[in-house]
């Protein structure tokens, strides 16, 4: 067989070609090589750039949401806290409470768009107390020089209804509790940027709002609800690895570039989420959904384009299904 191939190559080498034809063939070959180089160069630049653009988009959304002003709805528009609640024909429907680390930012509009915000809170269970009556004891004051180290801040969204007009309204309040004095607290009406002070028994009763919300409680509730889904996903992952043993024998990352970009996206996402918890007290669901989607899509594209034969993309599909179920479950719970 080897001798036959050698003879064939020898015969081919004896074929005479025109010099002009040789030059044209060589030039065509060089052009193709140059095109391949340019295409590879564009591909190397394009793939990391799309990741950077997507992550930059998330960062821009984070900045816009954190800086955007508080909006108001219907009856509360144009009225401050006291005038909004005065009158026996108005009653409070729901209260949403979340922790906060900022006197300026407030979770806006629909409380269901935020993780870490307790929905429909009743901080006075078993106590004959109306929040409306307590808030009406507030006295308008000038802005205070509050020391954040000695305070606990809560974002309180109060939804109320007017019996006569049947219109609904919402108050966006920040309640600032003083650590060393339970008989004094300050309230900031975020809509009008007005400050109030409540003292005495009313301030003591309002202390129950301090414990009405905590992000760990919200997180624990989510994990408790989705624990079976996570368990099933883990078992499916083990089955996939058992069916395709090649997954166990190959590294997690395709190459160093894949590792660097993947860890950069994950690290940036962690910074955004933890920064949101620390500075704002809540996490907007937009970031909770967008960041994992970017990570999973990038990992799937990388695996499918460079080593589809390793079947690791099946694990990513499994994770994506769990994430979709997480999204569906969250909005169904809303």
Protein backbone atom coordinates (compact mmCIF):
# COMPACT_ATOMS: atom_id res chain seq x y z
CA UNK A 1 0.00 0.00 0.00
CA UNK A 2 2.82 2.39 0.90
CA UNK A 3 4.67 1.62 -2.35
CA UNK A 4 1.51 2.31 -4.35
CA UNK A 5 1.06 5.71 -2.66
CA UNK A 6 4.71 6.58 -3.28
CA UNK A 7 4.32 5.71 -6.94
CA UNK A 8 1.17 7.80 -7.18
CA UNK A 9 2.85 10.83 -5.62
CA UNK A 10 5.80 10.35 -7.96
CA UNK A 11 3.49 10.37 -10.99
CA UNK A 12 1.76 13.52 -9.74
CA UNK A 13 5.10 15.27 -9.27
CA UNK A 14 5.98 14.59 -12.91
CA UNK A 15 2.90 16.41 -14.19
CA UNK A 16 3.99 19.65 -15.78
CA UNK A 17 1.94 22.80 -15.24
CA UNK A 18 2.07 26.18 -16.80
CA UNK A 19 4.00 28.80 -14.77
CA UNK A 20 1.10 31.25 -15.01
CA UNK A 21 -1.26 28.60 -13.65
CA UNK A 22 1.13 27.92 -10.77
CA UNK A 23 1.23 31.62 -9.86
CA UNK A 24 -2.57 31.86 -9.93
CA UNK A 25 -2.91 28.77 -7.72
CA UNK A 26 -0.33 30.13 -5.28
CA UNK A 27 -2.05 33.52 -5.14
CA UNK A 28 -5.42 31.85 -4.58
CA UNK A 29 -3.93 29.80 -1.74
CA UNK A 30 -2.39 32.89 -0.13
CA UNK A 31 -5.71 34.76 -0.38
CA UNK A 32 -7.54 31.91 1.33
CA UNK A 33 -4.96 31.76 4.12
CA UNK A 34 -5.31 35.53 4.67
CA UNK A 35 -9.11 35.28 4.71
CA UNK A 36 -8.95 32.47 7.28
CA UNK A 37 -6.62 34.57 9.46
CA UNK A 38 -8.93 37.59 9.31
CA UNK A 39 -11.97 35.45 10.03
CA UNK A 40 -10.25 33.86 13.03
CA UNK A 41 -9.12 37.29 14.25
CA UNK A 42 -12.65 38.67 14.00
CA UNK A 43 -14.03 35.62 15.81
CA UNK A 44 -11.53 35.97 18.65
CA UNK A 45 -12.46 39.64 19.06
CA UNK A 46 -16.21 39.20 18.64
CA UNK A 47 -16.91 36.47 21.18
CA UNK A 48 -15.35 38.20 24.22
CA UNK A 49 -16.84 41.53 23.12
CA UNK A 50 -20.41 40.21 23.11
CA UNK A 51 -19.87 39.02 26.68
CA UNK A 52 -18.48 42.39 27.74
CA UNK A 53 -21.40 44.20 26.06
CA UNK A 54 -23.99 41.99 27.78
CA UNK A 55 -22.37 42.44 31.18
CA UNK A 56 -22.07 46.20 30.58
CA UNK A 57 -25.78 46.24 29.77
CA UNK A 58 -26.56 44.67 33.15
CA UNK A 59 -24.34 47.20 34.94
CA UNK A 60 -26.10 50.08 33.16
CA UNK A 61 -29.49 48.72 34.19
CA UNK A 62 -28.26 48.43 37.77
CA UNK A 63 -27.11 52.05 37.72
CA UNK A 64 -30.37 53.34 36.17
CA UNK A 65 -32.58 51.45 38.60
CA UNK A 66 -30.59 52.53 41.64
CA UNK A 67 -30.55 56.19 40.56
CA UNK A 68 -34.10 56.54 39.23
CA UNK A 69 -36.50 58.62 41.35
CA UNK A 70 -39.39 57.13 43.29
CA UNK A 71 -42.68 57.13 41.41
CA UNK A 72 -46.15 57.49 42.89
CA UNK A 73 -49.58 56.17 42.04
CA UNK A 74 -53.10 57.57 41.95
CA UNK A 75 -54.35 58.92 45.29
CA UNK A 76 -50.91 59.45 46.81
CA UNK A 77 -49.80 61.75 43.99
CA UNK A 78 -49.45 65.32 45.24
CA UNK A 79 -50.20 64.49 48.89
CA UNK A 80 -47.88 63.96 51.82
CA UNK A 81 -48.14 61.20 54.40
CA UNK A 82 -50.45 63.02 56.85
CA UNK A 83 -52.98 64.31 54.31
CA UNK A 84 -53.01 60.95 52.53
CA UNK A 85 -54.13 59.04 55.64
CA UNK A 86 -56.45 61.55 57.32
CA UNK A 87 -60.12 60.64 57.40
CA UNK A 88 -61.97 57.58 58.63
CA UNK A 89 -62.90 56.59 55.07
CA UNK A 90 -59.34 55.52 54.30
CA UNK A 91 -57.91 52.20 55.36
CA UNK A 92 -54.64 50.35 54.85
CA UNK A 93 -54.69 47.22 52.72
CA UNK A 94 -51.12 45.92 52.73
CA UNK A 95 -47.70 46.80 54.11
CA UNK A 96 -44.41 45.76 52.49
CA UNK A 97 -41.19 46.09 54.46
CA UNK A 98 -37.54 45.64 53.56
CA UNK A 99 -34.21 46.43 55.16
CA UNK A 100 -32.24 49.38 53.81
CA UNK A 101 -28.82 51.01 53.94
CA UNK A 102 -29.67 54.19 52.06
CA UNK A 103 -31.69 57.28 52.90
CA UNK A 104 -32.12 58.08 49.21
CA UNK A 105 -32.96 54.85 47.38
CA UNK A 106 -36.35 53.16 47.73
CA UNK A 107 -37.73 49.98 46.08
CA UNK A 108 -40.19 51.49 43.62
CA UNK A 109 -43.67 50.60 42.46
CA UNK A 110 -44.40 46.86 42.67
CA UNK A 111 -42.81 45.26 45.72
CA UNK A 112 -42.89 41.89 43.95
CA UNK A 113 -40.04 43.05 41.69
CA UNK A 114 -37.57 42.85 44.58
CA UNK A 115 -35.96 40.03 46.51
CA UNK A 116 -35.54 40.85 50.18
CA UNK A 117 -38.81 42.76 50.43
CA UNK A 118 -41.43 41.09 52.61
CA UNK A 119 -44.84 41.27 50.94
CA UNK A 120 -48.11 41.98 52.75
CA UNK A 121 -46.51 42.24 56.15
CA UNK A 122 -48.64 42.51 59.28
CA UNK A 123 -46.19 43.72 61.95
CA UNK A 124 -48.93 44.10 64.58
CA UNK A 125 -50.35 40.58 64.70
CA UNK A 126 -52.32 40.10 67.90
CA UNK A 127 -51.98 43.77 68.79
CA UNK A 128 -54.93 46.16 68.58
CA UNK A 129 -53.03 48.79 66.63
CA UNK A 130 -53.73 50.63 63.39
CA UNK A 131 -50.65 51.76 61.49
CA UNK A 132 -52.63 54.72 60.16
CA UNK A 133 -53.32 55.97 63.68
CA UNK A 134 -49.64 55.67 64.62
CA UNK A 135 -48.46 57.53 61.53
CA UNK A 136 -50.92 60.34 62.14
CA UNK A 137 -49.10 61.16 65.40
CA UNK A 138 -46.07 62.21 63.33
CA UNK A 139 -44.89 65.82 63.58
CA UNK A 140 -43.24 67.55 60.59
CA UNK A 141 -39.61 68.51 61.22
CA UNK A 142 -36.57 69.69 59.30
CA UNK A 143 -34.14 67.04 58.04
CA UNK A 144 -32.11 65.58 60.88
CA UNK A 145 -28.39 64.88 60.97
CA UNK A 146 -28.77 61.16 61.46
CA UNK A 147 -25.78 58.98 62.38
CA UNK A 148 -26.17 55.78 60.31
CA UNK A 149 -24.06 53.74 62.75
CA UNK A 150 -26.70 54.18 65.45
CA UNK A 151 -29.80 53.58 63.35
CA UNK A 152 -31.79 50.81 61.71
CA UNK A 153 -33.53 51.80 58.47
CA UNK A 154 -36.60 50.13 57.02
CA UNK A 155 -38.30 50.78 53.69
CA UNK A 156 -42.06 50.63 54.25
CA UNK A 157 -44.49 50.62 51.33
CA UNK A 158 -48.03 51.28 52.55
CA UNK A 159 -50.92 50.53 50.18
CA UNK A 160 -54.25 52.08 51.16
CA UNK A 161 -57.72 52.63 49.70
CA UNK A 162 -60.22 55.47 49.83
CA UNK A 163 -63.72 54.10 50.58
CA UNK A 164 -65.49 57.05 49.00
CA UNK A 165 -63.61 57.36 45.74
CA UNK A 166 -62.52 53.70 45.58
CA UNK A 167 -59.08 54.89 44.50
CA UNK A 168 -55.92 53.21 45.73
CA UNK A 169 -52.79 54.98 46.90
CA UNK A 170 -49.29 54.10 48.00
CA UNK A 171 -46.94 55.70 50.50
CA UNK A 172 -43.18 55.23 50.16
CA UNK A 173 -41.70 55.73 53.63
CA UNK A 174 -38.34 55.27 55.27
CA UNK A 175 -38.55 54.65 59.00
CA UNK A 176 -35.31 55.36 60.86
CA UNK A 177 -35.14 53.67 64.26
CA UNK A 178 -32.70 54.98 66.88
CA UNK A 179 -30.79 52.16 68.60
CA UNK A 180 -30.49 53.82 71.98
CA UNK A 181 -33.97 55.33 72.13
CA UNK A 182 -37.05 53.20 71.43
CA UNK A 183 -39.38 56.13 72.13
CA UNK A 184 -38.13 58.15 69.18
CA UNK A 185 -38.00 57.50 65.45
CA UNK A 186 -37.88 59.49 62.24
CA UNK A 187 -39.87 59.02 59.06
CA UNK A 188 -38.98 60.24 55.59
CA UNK A 189 -41.76 60.58 53.02
CA UNK A 190 -39.85 59.66 49.87
CA UNK A 191 -42.44 61.18 47.53
CA UNK A 192 -42.24 64.68 48.97
CA UNK A 193 -38.84 64.44 50.66
CA UNK A 194 -40.47 65.48 53.95
CA UNK A 195 -39.30 64.48 57.41
CA UNK A 196 -41.42 63.58 60.43
CA UNK A 197 -40.79 62.63 64.03
CA UNK A 198 -42.79 60.22 66.21
CA UNK A 199 -42.24 60.04 69.97
CA UNK A 200 -43.62 58.16 72.95
CA UNK A 201 -45.93 55.14 72.91
CA UNK A 202 -46.54 55.29 69.16
CA UNK A 203 -42.79 55.07 68.50
CA UNK A 204 -42.53 52.08 70.84
CA UNK A 205 -45.31 50.23 69.00
CA UNK A 206 -43.70 50.93 65.64
CA UNK A 207 -40.54 49.14 66.82
CA UNK A 208 -42.19 45.87 65.72
CA UNK A 209 -41.56 46.88 62.09
CA UNK A 210 -37.82 46.47 62.69
CA UNK A 211 -38.20 42.68 62.79
CA UNK A 212 -40.86 42.51 60.07
CA UNK A 213 -38.38 42.06 57.25
CA UNK A 214 -35.04 40.40 56.71
CA UNK A 215 -33.39 39.16 53.55
CA UNK A 216 -32.21 35.87 55.13
CA UNK A 217 -35.83 34.99 55.92
CA UNK A 218 -36.84 35.62 52.31
CA UNK A 219 -33.88 33.59 51.05
CA UNK A 220 -34.66 30.72 53.43
CA UNK A 221 -38.26 30.65 52.21
CA UNK A 222 -37.13 30.44 48.59
CA UNK A 223 -34.60 27.69 49.29
CA UNK A 224 -37.12 25.74 51.31
CA UNK A 225 -39.67 25.90 48.47
CA UNK A 226 -37.20 25.08 45.69
CA UNK A 227 -35.18 22.45 47.58
CA UNK A 228 -36.94 19.52 45.81
CA UNK A 229 -36.21 21.09 42.40
CA UNK A 230 -32.53 21.55 43.29
CA UNK A 231 -32.36 17.94 44.52
CA UNK A 232 -33.91 16.57 41.31
CA UNK A 233 -31.52 18.69 39.25
CA UNK A 234 -28.56 17.31 41.20
CA UNK A 235 -29.70 13.72 40.58
CA UNK A 236 -30.24 14.42 36.87
CA UNK A 237 -26.70 15.83 36.74
CA UNK A 238 -25.33 12.61 38.24
CA UNK A 239 -27.25 10.55 35.66
CA UNK A 240 -25.85 12.68 32.81
CA UNK A 241 -22.29 12.25 34.12
CA UNK A 242 -22.83 8.50 34.46
CA UNK A 243 -24.22 8.21 30.92
CA UNK A 244 -21.39 10.32 29.44
CA UNK A 245 -18.25 9.46 31.44
CA UNK A 246 -16.20 11.75 29.18
CA UNK A 247 -17.58 14.70 31.22
CA UNK A 248 -15.66 13.47 34.27
CA UNK A 249 -12.42 13.16 32.34
CA UNK A 250 -12.44 16.63 30.79
CA UNK A 251 -11.69 19.95 32.52
CA UNK A 252 -14.52 22.34 33.32
CA UNK A 253 -13.15 25.09 31.07
CA UNK A 254 -12.28 24.86 27.38
CA UNK A 255 -9.15 27.00 27.76
CA UNK A 256 -7.62 29.77 29.87
CA UNK A 257 -9.63 32.45 28.05
CA UNK A 258 -12.86 30.60 28.80
CA UNK A 259 -11.87 30.34 32.46
CA UNK A 260 -10.94 34.03 32.70
CA UNK A 261 -14.14 35.32 31.04
CA UNK A 262 -16.40 32.94 32.96
CA UNK A 263 -14.91 33.86 36.33
CA UNK A 264 -15.03 37.56 35.43
CA UNK A 265 -18.76 37.36 34.67
CA UNK A 266 -19.48 35.36 37.83
CA UNK A 267 -17.35 37.71 39.95
CA UNK A 268 -19.01 40.79 38.45
CA UNK A 269 -22.44 39.30 39.08
CA UNK A 270 -21.57 38.59 42.71
CA UNK A 271 -20.34 42.18 43.13
CA UNK A 272 -23.59 43.57 41.69
CA UNK A 273 -25.85 41.35 43.82
CA UNK A 274 -23.95 41.77 47.10
CA UNK A 275 -23.52 45.48 46.42
CA UNK A 276 -27.27 45.77 45.90
CA UNK A 277 -27.92 44.03 49.23
CA UNK A 278 -25.41 46.17 51.10
CA UNK A 279 -26.21 49.59 49.67
CA UNK A 280 -29.91 49.21 48.85
CA UNK A 281 -31.13 46.43 51.14
CA UNK A 282 -32.92 44.60 48.29
CA UNK A 283 -32.13 42.97 44.94
CA UNK A 284 -34.14 43.78 41.85
CA UNK A 285 -35.36 40.59 40.16
CA UNK A 286 -34.04 41.92 36.85
CA UNK A 287 -30.46 41.32 37.98
CA UNK A 288 -31.27 38.01 39.65
CA UNK A 289 -32.60 36.77 36.30
CA UNK A 290 -30.29 38.48 33.79
CA UNK A 291 -26.93 37.65 35.34
CA UNK A 292 -27.45 33.84 35.54
CA UNK A 293 -28.93 33.85 32.00
CA UNK A 294 -25.80 35.60 30.66
CA UNK A 295 -23.55 33.11 32.46
CA UNK A 296 -25.48 30.02 31.26
CA UNK A 297 -25.78 31.20 27.65
CA UNK A 298 -22.06 32.01 27.50
CA UNK A 299 -21.12 28.60 28.94
CA UNK A 300 -23.45 26.77 26.55
CA UNK A 301 -22.13 28.61 23.47
CA UNK A 302 -18.55 27.95 24.51
CA UNK A 303 -19.12 24.23 25.04
CA UNK A 304 -21.27 23.74 21.93
CA UNK A 305 -18.87 25.58 19.60
CA UNK A 306 -15.57 24.17 20.83
CA UNK A 307 -16.18 20.68 22.23
CA UNK A 308 -19.74 19.54 21.66
CA UNK A 309 -18.53 15.93 21.67
CA UNK A 310 -17.80 16.17 25.40
CA UNK A 311 -21.55 16.51 26.18
CA UNK A 312 -20.94 18.98 29.01
CA UNK A 313 -23.59 21.24 27.48
CA UNK A 314 -26.22 18.80 28.77
CA UNK A 315 -25.32 19.80 32.32
CA UNK A 316 -25.80 23.46 31.37
CA UNK A 317 -29.20 22.67 29.84
CA UNK A 318 -30.13 20.95 33.11
CA UNK A 319 -29.13 24.08 35.06
CA UNK A 320 -31.05 26.30 32.64
CA UNK A 321 -34.24 24.24 33.09
CA UNK A 322 -33.97 24.62 36.86
CA UNK A 323 -33.49 28.35 36.45
CA UNK A 324 -36.58 28.62 34.19
CA UNK A 325 -38.61 26.73 36.81
CA UNK A 326 -37.26 29.14 39.41
CA UNK A 327 -38.48 32.12 37.35
CA UNK A 328 -41.90 30.55 36.72
CA UNK A 329 -42.30 29.68 40.41
CA UNK A 330 -41.36 33.17 41.52
CA UNK A 331 -43.83 34.95 39.25
CA UNK A 332 -46.58 32.45 40.00
CA UNK A 333 -45.97 33.23 43.67
CA UNK A 334 -46.32 36.95 42.88
